[in-house]
C-alpha atoms as a PDB file:
ATOM      1  CA  MET A   1     -89.487 -62.297  15.005  1.00  0.00           C
ATOM      2  CA  SER A   2     -88.863 -61.114  11.486  1.00  0.00           C
ATOM      3  CA  VAL A   3     -89.276 -57.566  10.242  1.00  0.00           C
ATOM      4  CA  ARG A   4     -92.060 -58.659   7.893  1.00  0.00           C
ATOM      5  CA  SER A   5     -94.169 -60.130  10.704  1.00  0.00           C
ATOM      6  CA  ALA A   6     -93.573 -57.021  12.829  1.00  0.00           C
ATOM      7  CA  ILE A   7     -94.802 -54.790   9.983  1.00  0.00           C
ATOM      8  CA  ASP A   8     -97.831 -57.038   9.465  1.00  0.00           C
ATOM      9  CA  GLY A   9     -98.645 -56.799  13.167  1.00  0.00           C
ATOM     10  CA  VAL A  10     -98.448 -53.000  13.133  1.00  0.00           C
ATOM     11  CA  GLY A  11    -100.605 -52.857   9.999  1.00  0.00           C
ATOM     12  CA  LYS A  12    -103.247 -55.122  11.513  1.00  0.00           C
ATOM     13  CA  THR A  13    -103.288 -53.014  14.675  1.00  0.00           C
ATOM     14  CA  ALA A  14    -103.736 -49.844  12.622  1.00  0.00           C
ATOM     15  CA  VAL A  15    -106.585 -51.454  10.658  1.00  0.00           C
ATOM     16  CA  ARG A  16    -108.276 -52.513  13.898  1.00  0.00           C
ATOM     17  CA  GLY A  17    -107.938 -48.940  15.194  1.00  0.00           C
ATOM     18  CA  ALA A  18    -109.460 -47.504  12.021  1.00  0.00           C
ATOM     19  CA  VAL A  19    -112.312 -50.028  12.130  1.00  0.00           C
ATOM     20  CA  PHE A  20    -112.905 -49.102  15.779  1.00  0.00           C
ATOM     21  CA  LEU A  21    -113.182 -45.405  14.851  1.00  0.00           C
ATOM     22  CA  ILE A  22    -115.625 -46.237  12.049  1.00  0.00           C
ATOM     23  CA  GLN A  23    -117.724 -48.357  14.407  1.00  0.00           C
ATOM     24  CA  LEU A  24    -117.670 -45.516  16.946  1.00  0.00           C
ATOM     25  CA  TYR A  25    -118.977 -43.169  14.240  1.00  0.00           C
ATOM     26  CA  ARG A  26    -121.652 -45.680  13.220  1.00  0.00           C
ATOM     27  CA  HIS A  27    -122.960 -46.080  16.763  1.00  0.00           C
ATOM     28  CA  MET A  28    -122.511 -42.553  18.159  1.00  0.00           C
ATOM     29  CA  VAL A  29    -122.791 -40.019  15.316  1.00  0.00           C
ATOM     30  CA  SER A  30    -124.693 -41.748  12.537  1.00  0.00           C
ATOM     31  CA  PRO A  31    -127.919 -42.294  14.544  1.00  0.00           C
ATOM     32  CA  LEU A  32    -128.135 -38.532  15.109  1.00  0.00           C
ATOM     33  CA  ARG A  33    -128.216 -37.836  11.353  1.00  0.00           C
ATOM     34  CA  PRO A  34    -130.972 -38.744   8.869  1.00  0.00           C
ATOM     35  CA  ALA A  35    -130.344 -41.836   6.732  1.00  0.00           C
ATOM     36  CA  THR A  36    -129.246 -40.393   3.388  1.00  0.00           C
ATOM     37  CA  CYS A  37    -126.734 -42.926   2.102  1.00  0.00           C
ATOM     38  CA  ARG A  38    -127.327 -43.629  -1.565  1.00  0.00           C
ATOM     39  CA  PHE A  39    -125.115 -46.724  -1.718  1.00  0.00           C
ATOM     40  CA  ILE A  40    -125.466 -50.341  -0.685  1.00  0.00           C
ATOM     41  CA  PRO A  41    -123.498 -51.247   1.406  1.00  0.00           C
ATOM     42  CA  THR A  42    -123.274 -47.965   3.292  1.00  0.00           C
ATOM     43  CA  CYS A  43    -120.041 -46.002   3.075  1.00  0.00           C
ATOM     44  CA  SER A  44    -119.040 -46.938   6.604  1.00  0.00           C
ATOM     45  CA  GLN A  45    -119.604 -50.655   5.943  1.00  0.00           C
ATOM     46  CA  TYR A  46    -117.719 -50.322   2.663  1.00  0.00           C
ATOM     47  CA  ALA A  47    -114.787 -48.757   4.537  1.00  0.00           C
ATOM     48  CA  VAL A  48    -114.748 -51.569   7.116  1.00  0.00           C
ATOM     49  CA  ASP A  49    -114.877 -54.207   4.370  1.00  0.00           C
ATOM     50  CA  ALA A  50    -112.132 -52.492   2.336  1.00  0.00           C
ATOM     51  CA  LEU A  51    -109.844 -52.083   5.358  1.00  0.00           C
ATOM     52  CA  THR A  52    -110.214 -55.684   6.502  1.00  0.00           C
ATOM     53  CA  GLU A  53    -109.810 -57.083   2.979  1.00  0.00           C
ATOM     54  CA  TYR A  54    -107.035 -54.891   1.568  1.00  0.00           C
ATOM     55  CA  GLY A  55    -105.258 -53.402   4.588  1.00  0.00           C
ATOM     56  CA  LEU A  56    -104.681 -49.839   5.709  1.00  0.00           C
ATOM     57  CA  ILE A  57    -103.229 -48.224   2.580  1.00  0.00           C
ATOM     58  CA  ARG A  58    -105.385 -49.627  -0.221  1.00  0.00           C
ATOM     59  CA  GLY A  59    -108.448 -49.948   2.020  1.00  0.00           C
ATOM     60  CA  SER A  60    -108.199 -46.276   2.973  1.00  0.00           C
ATOM     61  CA  TRP A  61    -107.808 -45.330  -0.678  1.00  0.00           C
ATOM     62  CA  LEU A  62    -110.891 -47.334  -1.661  1.00  0.00           C
ATOM     63  CA  ALA A  63    -112.902 -45.787   1.194  1.00  0.00           C
ATOM     64  CA  ALA A  64    -111.811 -42.262   0.226  1.00  0.00           C
ATOM     65  CA  ALA A  65    -112.737 -42.908  -3.417  1.00  0.00           C
ATOM     66  CA  ARG A  66    -116.136 -44.165  -2.292  1.00  0.00           C
ATOM     67  CA  LEU A  67    -116.709 -41.069  -0.134  1.00  0.00           C
ATOM     68  CA  ALA A  68    -115.779 -38.891  -3.118  1.00  0.00           C
ATOM     69  CA  LYS A  69    -118.683 -40.479  -5.028  1.00  0.00           C
ATOM     70  CA  CYS A  70    -121.140 -39.430  -2.319  1.00  0.00           C
ATOM     71  CA  GLY A  71    -123.025 -36.529  -3.814  1.00  0.00           C
ATOM     72  CA  PRO A  72    -125.845 -35.618  -6.149  1.00  0.00           C
ATOM     73  CA  TRP A  73    -123.688 -36.232  -9.232  1.00  0.00           C
ATOM     74  CA  HIS A  74    -123.623 -40.011  -8.614  1.00  0.00           C
ATOM     75  CA  ARG A  75    -126.803 -42.058  -8.641  1.00  0.00           C
ATOM     76  CA  GLY A  76    -125.627 -44.599  -6.025  1.00  0.00           C
ATOM     77  CA  GLY A  77    -126.843 -48.183  -5.899  1.00  0.00           C
ATOM     78  CA  TRP A  78    -124.983 -51.456  -5.370  1.00  0.00           C
ATOM     79  CA  ASP A  79    -121.237 -50.790  -5.068  1.00  0.00           C
ATOM     80  CA  PRO A  80    -119.296 -53.549  -3.275  1.00  0.00           C
ATOM     81  CA  ILE A  81    -115.538 -53.558  -2.770  1.00  0.00           C
ATOM     82  CA  PRO A  82    -113.637 -54.837  -5.809  1.00  0.00           C
ATOM     83  CA  GLU A  83    -112.725 -58.509  -5.963  1.00  0.00           C
ATOM     84  CA  ARG A  84    -109.096 -59.477  -5.515  1.00  0.00           C
ATOM     85  CA  GLU A  85    -107.354 -60.445  -8.729  1.00  0.00           C
ATOM     86  CA  CYS A  86    -106.055 -64.002  -8.808  1.00  0.00           C
ATOM     87  CA  ARG A  87    -102.538 -64.154 -10.183  1.00  0.00           C
ATOM     88  CA  SER A  88    -101.224 -67.382 -11.625  1.00  0.00           C
ATOM     89  CA  ASP A  89     -97.681 -66.331 -12.422  1.00  0.00           C
ATOM     90  CA  PHE A  90     -95.642 -69.494 -11.980  1.00  0.00           C
ATOM     91  CA  THR A  91     -92.334 -67.838 -12.857  1.00  0.00           C
ATOM     92  CA  ALA A  92     -92.518 -65.793  -9.666  1.00  0.00           C
ATOM     93  CA  ALA A  93     -92.611 -69.013  -7.656  1.00  0.00           C
ATOM     94  CA  GLY A  94     -89.259 -70.085  -9.082  1.00  0.00           C
ATOM     95  CA  THR A  95     -90.499 -72.882 -11.313  1.00  0.00           C
ATOM     96  CA  ASP A  96     -88.895 -71.415 -14.459  1.00  0.00           C
ATOM     97  CA  GLY A  97     -92.205 -71.265 -16.292  1.00  0.00           C
ATOM     98  CA  GLU A  98     -93.119 -74.907 -15.803  1.00  0.00           C
ATOM     99  CA  LEU A  99     -96.648 -75.671 -14.762  1.00  0.00           C
ATOM    100  CA  PRO A 100     -97.117 -77.414 -11.430  1.00  0.00           C
ATOM    101  CA  ALA A 101     -97.714 -81.166 -11.407  1.00  0.00           C
ATOM    102  CA  ASN A 102    -101.282 -82.410 -11.374  1.00  0.00           C
ATOM    103  CA  GLN A 103    -102.515 -83.504  -7.962  1.00  0.00           C
ATOM    104  CA  GLY A 104    -102.939 -87.242  -7.462  1.00  0.00           C
ATOM    105  CA  LYS A 105    -101.206 -88.313 -10.692  1.00  0.00           C
ATOM    106  CA  SER A 106     -97.775 -89.573  -9.842  1.00  0.00           C
ATOM    107  CA  VAL A 107     -95.683 -91.346 -12.469  1.00  0.00           C
ATOM    108  CA  SER A 108     -93.062 -92.599 -10.023  1.00  0.00           C
ATOM    109  CA  PHE A 109     -93.085 -96.200  -8.845  1.00  0.00           C
ATOM    110  CA  VAL A 110     -91.376 -97.362  -5.666  1.00  0.00           C
ATOM    111  CA  VAL A 111     -90.367-101.011  -5.343  1.00  0.00           C
END
């Protein structure tokens, strides 16, 4: 077992624990309070989505930033988690800047 997989396992366990606490809040505390959330999805659903998509550190940061918006100074509305950025940096893959070969177009011929 590598160190990287051990860290990933601990991170996933921590995310599951945080999601469990959020779900506990949603089912035990939230029904006792009036529905006043001004965002769609709700802040608790946003936090669950951010944690499962981005992990504990960035997901917690996104959830905290969303909670900071909760107040009369923000009008609310549709506010989903941000999309992941797709990176197409081929030099990081060790190809020395060359583009990958096209799929299905081979120029080699085997006799």
